[in-house]
């Protein structure tokens, strides 16, 4: 299972950043355009609200489960969640939580 979590973490990193990098290469650092595209439709707002709530819940889960299991370096999947997203942070945390064999 640990290997699957690692594979999912890699996919969760590569897939979102593939889209972001292509957008960035086309548009550069343009915060007003980013905000404009995020808020361009109610469907976009729905998706972003869902991602935001999921990220908050995941960070809470990482902190509480990490403390309960006395895990080290729980800041790593929290940082991954904040910089990449839930698609990277969750499988990374699950990978870290799995015992070594």
N, C-alpha and C. Protein backbone atom coordinates (compact mmCIF):
# COMPACT_ATOMS: atom_id res chain seq x y z
N UNK A 1 0.82 -1.19 0.00
CA UNK A 1 0.00 0.00 0.00
C UNK A 1 0.87 1.26 0.00
N UNK A 2 2.00 1.18 0.68
CA UNK A 2 2.88 2.34 0.77
C UNK A 2 3.35 2.78 -0.61
N UNK A 3 3.69 1.84 -1.46
CA UNK A 3 4.13 2.16 -2.82
C UNK A 3 3.01 2.83 -3.62
N UNK A 4 1.77 2.37 -3.44
CA UNK A 4 0.63 2.98 -4.12
C UNK A 4 0.46 4.43 -3.70
N UNK A 5 0.59 4.72 -2.41
CA UNK A 5 0.48 6.10 -1.93
C UNK A 5 1.57 6.99 -2.55
N UNK A 6 2.76 6.45 -2.67
CA UNK A 6 3.85 7.21 -3.27
C UNK A 6 3.56 7.50 -4.75
N UNK A 7 3.08 6.50 -5.47
CA UNK A 7 2.72 6.69 -6.88
C UNK A 7 1.61 7.74 -7.00
N UNK A 8 0.61 7.65 -6.14
CA UNK A 8 -0.49 8.63 -6.17
C UNK A 8 -0.01 10.03 -5.81
N UNK A 9 0.95 10.14 -4.91
CA UNK A 9 1.51 11.45 -4.57
C UNK A 9 2.25 12.04 -5.77
N UNK A 10 3.00 11.22 -6.47
CA UNK A 10 3.71 11.70 -7.66
C UNK A 10 2.70 12.16 -8.72
N UNK A 11 1.68 11.36 -8.96
CA UNK A 11 0.64 11.75 -9.91
C UNK A 11 -0.06 13.03 -9.44
N UNK A 12 -0.34 13.10 -8.14
CA UNK A 12 -0.99 14.27 -7.57
C UNK A 12 -0.15 15.53 -7.64
N UNK A 13 1.14 15.38 -7.80
CA UNK A 13 2.04 16.52 -8.00
C UNK A 13 2.14 16.87 -9.49
N UNK A 14 2.41 15.86 -10.30
CA UNK A 14 2.68 16.09 -11.73
C UNK A 14 1.45 16.57 -12.48
N UNK A 15 0.31 15.94 -12.28
CA UNK A 15 -0.88 16.27 -13.06
C UNK A 15 -1.33 17.73 -12.87
N UNK A 16 -1.52 18.22 -11.64
CA UNK A 16 -1.92 19.62 -11.51
C UNK A 16 -0.86 20.59 -12.03
N UNK A 17 0.40 20.30 -11.77
CA UNK A 17 1.45 21.22 -12.20
C UNK A 17 1.64 21.21 -13.72
N UNK A 18 1.27 20.14 -14.39
CA UNK A 18 1.31 20.13 -15.85
C UNK A 18 0.42 21.24 -16.41
N UNK A 19 -0.79 21.35 -15.85
CA UNK A 19 -1.71 22.38 -16.31
C UNK A 19 -1.25 23.77 -15.87
N UNK A 20 -0.76 23.87 -14.65
CA UNK A 20 -0.32 25.18 -14.16
C UNK A 20 0.88 25.70 -14.94
N UNK A 21 1.86 24.85 -15.18
CA UNK A 21 3.07 25.27 -15.89
C UNK A 21 2.71 25.72 -17.31
N UNK A 22 1.84 24.98 -17.99
CA UNK A 22 1.47 25.40 -19.35
C UNK A 22 0.74 26.74 -19.31
N UNK A 23 -0.12 26.95 -18.32
CA UNK A 23 -0.81 28.24 -18.17
C UNK A 23 0.20 29.34 -17.87
N UNK A 24 1.13 29.06 -16.97
CA UNK A 24 2.16 30.03 -16.57
C UNK A 24 3.05 30.42 -17.76
N UNK A 25 3.44 29.45 -18.56
CA UNK A 25 4.28 29.75 -19.72
C UNK A 25 3.55 30.63 -20.73
N UNK A 26 2.24 30.46 -20.81
CA UNK A 26 1.44 31.26 -21.73
C UNK A 26 1.15 32.66 -21.19
N UNK A 27 0.93 32.77 -19.86
CA UNK A 27 0.45 34.03 -19.28
C UNK A 27 1.42 34.72 -18.34
N UNK A 28 2.42 34.02 -17.86
CA UNK A 28 3.36 34.61 -16.91
C UNK A 28 2.71 34.83 -15.55
N UNK A 29 3.38 35.62 -14.71
CA UNK A 29 2.84 35.92 -13.38
C UNK A 29 1.84 37.06 -13.56
N UNK A 30 0.58 36.70 -13.54
CA UNK A 30 -0.49 37.67 -13.75
C UNK A 30 -1.59 37.38 -12.74
N UNK A 31 -1.43 37.92 -11.52
CA UNK A 31 -2.38 37.62 -10.45
C UNK A 31 -3.80 38.06 -10.78
N UNK A 32 -3.95 39.19 -11.45
CA UNK A 32 -5.31 39.63 -11.78
C UNK A 32 -5.98 38.66 -12.75
N UNK A 33 -5.21 38.07 -13.67
CA UNK A 33 -5.77 37.08 -14.59
C UNK A 33 -6.11 35.79 -13.85
N UNK A 34 -5.26 35.38 -12.92
CA UNK A 34 -5.55 34.19 -12.12
C UNK A 34 -6.87 34.36 -11.37
N UNK A 35 -7.02 35.49 -10.69
CA UNK A 35 -8.25 35.74 -9.93
C UNK A 35 -9.45 35.84 -10.86
N UNK A 36 -9.26 36.49 -11.99
CA UNK A 36 -10.34 36.61 -12.97
C UNK A 36 -10.80 35.23 -13.46
N UNK A 37 -9.86 34.35 -13.75
CA UNK A 37 -10.22 33.02 -14.24
C UNK A 37 -10.83 32.15 -13.13
N UNK A 38 -10.36 32.31 -11.90
CA UNK A 38 -10.93 31.55 -10.78
C UNK A 38 -12.39 31.95 -10.56
N UNK A 39 -12.67 33.23 -10.69
CA UNK A 39 -14.01 33.75 -10.39
C UNK A 39 -14.87 33.93 -11.65
N UNK A 40 -14.45 33.34 -12.78
CA UNK A 40 -15.14 33.58 -14.04
C UNK A 40 -16.52 32.93 -14.12
N UNK A 41 -16.78 31.91 -13.33
CA UNK A 41 -18.10 31.28 -13.37
C UNK A 41 -18.43 30.69 -12.01
N UNK A 42 -19.69 30.40 -11.83
CA UNK A 42 -20.11 29.77 -10.57
C UNK A 42 -19.56 28.36 -10.44
N UNK A 43 -19.38 27.69 -11.56
CA UNK A 43 -18.79 26.36 -11.53
C UNK A 43 -17.34 26.41 -11.06
N UNK A 44 -16.59 27.40 -11.51
CA UNK A 44 -15.22 27.58 -11.04
C UNK A 44 -15.20 27.87 -9.54
N UNK A 45 -16.10 28.74 -9.11
CA UNK A 45 -16.18 29.05 -7.67
C UNK A 45 -16.56 27.83 -6.86
N UNK A 46 -17.47 27.01 -7.39
CA UNK A 46 -17.85 25.76 -6.73
C UNK A 46 -16.62 24.87 -6.54
N UNK A 47 -15.84 24.71 -7.62
CA UNK A 47 -14.67 23.83 -7.56
C UNK A 47 -13.64 24.38 -6.58
N UNK A 48 -13.39 25.68 -6.61
CA UNK A 48 -12.41 26.28 -5.70
C UNK A 48 -12.86 26.22 -4.25
N UNK A 49 -14.16 26.41 -4.01
CA UNK A 49 -14.67 26.30 -2.64
C UNK A 49 -14.50 24.88 -2.13
N UNK A 50 -14.76 23.90 -2.98
CA UNK A 50 -14.60 22.50 -2.61
C UNK A 50 -13.14 22.19 -2.29
N UNK A 51 -12.23 22.68 -3.11
CA UNK A 51 -10.80 22.46 -2.89
C UNK A 51 -10.35 23.12 -1.59
N UNK A 52 -10.81 24.34 -1.35
CA UNK A 52 -10.42 25.06 -0.14
C UNK A 52 -10.90 24.34 1.12
N UNK A 53 -12.16 23.92 1.13
CA UNK A 53 -12.68 23.20 2.30
C UNK A 53 -11.93 21.87 2.47
N UNK A 54 -11.70 21.16 1.38
CA UNK A 54 -10.96 19.89 1.46
C UNK A 54 -9.55 20.10 2.00
N UNK A 55 -8.88 21.15 1.59
CA UNK A 55 -7.52 21.43 2.07
C UNK A 55 -7.53 21.75 3.56
N UNK A 56 -8.51 22.53 4.01
CA UNK A 56 -8.61 22.86 5.44
C UNK A 56 -8.84 21.59 6.26
N UNK A 57 -9.74 20.74 5.80
CA UNK A 57 -10.02 19.48 6.50
C UNK A 57 -8.79 18.59 6.50
N UNK A 58 -8.10 18.51 5.37
CA UNK A 58 -6.90 17.68 5.30
C UNK A 58 -5.81 18.18 6.24
N UNK A 59 -5.59 19.47 6.30
CA UNK A 59 -4.58 20.01 7.21
C UNK A 59 -4.93 19.69 8.65
N UNK A 60 -6.20 19.84 9.00
CA UNK A 60 -6.64 19.47 10.35
C UNK A 60 -6.39 17.99 10.61
N UNK A 61 -6.72 17.14 9.63
CA UNK A 61 -6.52 15.69 9.76
C UNK A 61 -5.04 15.36 9.92
N UNK A 62 -4.19 15.97 9.11
CA UNK A 62 -2.75 15.72 9.20
C UNK A 62 -2.23 16.09 10.58
N UNK A 63 -2.64 17.25 11.06
CA UNK A 63 -2.17 17.68 12.39
C UNK A 63 -2.65 16.74 13.49
N UNK A 64 -3.93 16.41 13.50
CA UNK A 64 -4.46 15.58 14.59
C UNK A 64 -3.97 14.14 14.50
N UNK A 65 -3.99 13.56 13.32
CA UNK A 65 -3.52 12.18 13.15
C UNK A 65 -2.01 12.10 13.35
N UNK A 66 -1.30 13.11 12.87
CA UNK A 66 0.15 13.14 13.07
C UNK A 66 0.52 13.21 14.54
N UNK A 67 -0.21 14.03 15.29
CA UNK A 67 0.03 14.11 16.74
C UNK A 67 -0.32 12.80 17.43
N UNK A 68 -1.45 12.22 17.04
CA UNK A 68 -1.90 10.97 17.66
C UNK A 68 -0.89 9.85 17.43
N UNK A 69 -0.30 9.82 16.25
CA UNK A 69 0.67 8.76 15.92
C UNK A 69 2.12 9.19 16.18
N UNK A 70 2.28 10.39 16.74
CA UNK A 70 3.60 10.94 17.05
C UNK A 70 4.52 10.92 15.83
N UNK A 71 3.98 11.38 14.72
CA UNK A 71 4.74 11.41 13.47
C UNK A 71 5.63 12.64 13.42
N UNK A 72 6.77 12.49 12.76
CA UNK A 72 7.67 13.61 12.51
C UNK A 72 7.38 14.16 11.11
N UNK A 73 7.77 15.39 10.92
CA UNK A 73 7.73 16.03 9.60
C UNK A 73 6.33 16.14 8.99
N UNK A 74 5.31 16.28 9.83
CA UNK A 74 3.96 16.44 9.27
C UNK A 74 3.81 17.78 8.55
N UNK A 75 4.77 18.67 8.72
CA UNK A 75 4.73 19.94 8.00
C UNK A 75 4.93 19.72 6.50
N UNK A 76 5.56 18.62 6.12
CA UNK A 76 5.83 18.37 4.71
C UNK A 76 4.53 18.18 3.91
N UNK A 77 3.62 17.27 4.32
CA UNK A 77 2.37 17.16 3.55
C UNK A 77 1.48 18.39 3.70
N UNK A 78 1.61 19.13 4.80
CA UNK A 78 0.85 20.38 4.92
C UNK A 78 1.36 21.39 3.90
N UNK A 79 2.68 21.51 3.77
CA UNK A 79 3.26 22.39 2.76
C UNK A 79 2.87 21.93 1.36
N UNK A 80 2.88 20.62 1.14
CA UNK A 80 2.48 20.08 -0.16
C UNK A 80 1.03 20.38 -0.49
N UNK A 81 0.17 20.34 0.52
CA UNK A 81 -1.24 20.67 0.33
C UNK A 81 -1.39 22.14 -0.03
N UNK A 82 -0.63 22.99 0.62
CA UNK A 82 -0.75 24.44 0.39
C UNK A 82 -0.11 24.88 -0.93
N UNK A 83 0.90 24.18 -1.40
CA UNK A 83 1.59 24.60 -2.62
C UNK A 83 1.15 23.84 -3.87
N UNK A 84 0.69 22.62 -3.70
CA UNK A 84 0.23 21.83 -4.85
C UNK A 84 -1.27 21.59 -4.75
N UNK A 85 -1.69 20.96 -3.64
CA UNK A 85 -3.11 20.70 -3.45
C UNK A 85 -3.34 19.42 -2.70
N UNK A 86 -4.61 19.14 -2.48
CA UNK A 86 -5.03 17.93 -1.76
C UNK A 86 -4.58 16.68 -2.52
N UNK A 87 -4.54 16.75 -3.84
CA UNK A 87 -4.16 15.59 -4.65
C UNK A 87 -2.72 15.15 -4.37
N UNK A 88 -1.91 16.03 -3.84
CA UNK A 88 -0.53 15.70 -3.47
C UNK A 88 -0.40 15.49 -1.97
N UNK A 89 -1.00 16.38 -1.18
CA UNK A 89 -0.84 16.34 0.28
C UNK A 89 -1.41 15.09 0.93
N UNK A 90 -2.59 14.66 0.48
CA UNK A 90 -3.21 13.48 1.11
C UNK A 90 -2.43 12.20 0.85
N UNK A 91 -2.12 11.85 -0.41
CA UNK A 91 -1.35 10.61 -0.58
C UNK A 91 0.05 10.69 0.03
N UNK A 92 0.65 11.88 0.06
CA UNK A 92 1.96 12.02 0.70
C UNK A 92 1.85 11.74 2.20
N UNK A 93 0.81 12.27 2.85
CA UNK A 93 0.62 12.00 4.27
C UNK A 93 0.36 10.52 4.52
N UNK A 94 -0.49 9.91 3.68
CA UNK A 94 -0.78 8.48 3.86
C UNK A 94 0.48 7.64 3.64
N UNK A 95 1.32 8.04 2.71
CA UNK A 95 2.60 7.37 2.50
C UNK A 95 3.47 7.47 3.76
N UNK A 96 3.54 8.66 4.32
CA UNK A 96 4.37 8.87 5.51
C UNK A 96 3.82 8.11 6.72
N UNK A 97 2.51 7.94 6.77
CA UNK A 97 1.87 7.28 7.90
C UNK A 97 2.04 5.77 7.89
N UNK A 98 2.24 5.20 6.70
CA UNK A 98 2.40 3.75 6.59
C UNK A 98 3.71 3.31 7.26
N UNK A 99 3.66 2.22 8.01
CA UNK A 99 4.89 1.73 8.66
C UNK A 99 5.88 1.18 7.64
N UNK A 100 7.16 1.27 8.00
CA UNK A 100 8.21 0.66 7.16
C UNK A 100 8.10 -0.85 7.27
N UNK A 101 8.46 -1.52 6.21
CA UNK A 101 8.42 -3.00 6.24
C UNK A 101 9.78 -3.55 6.04
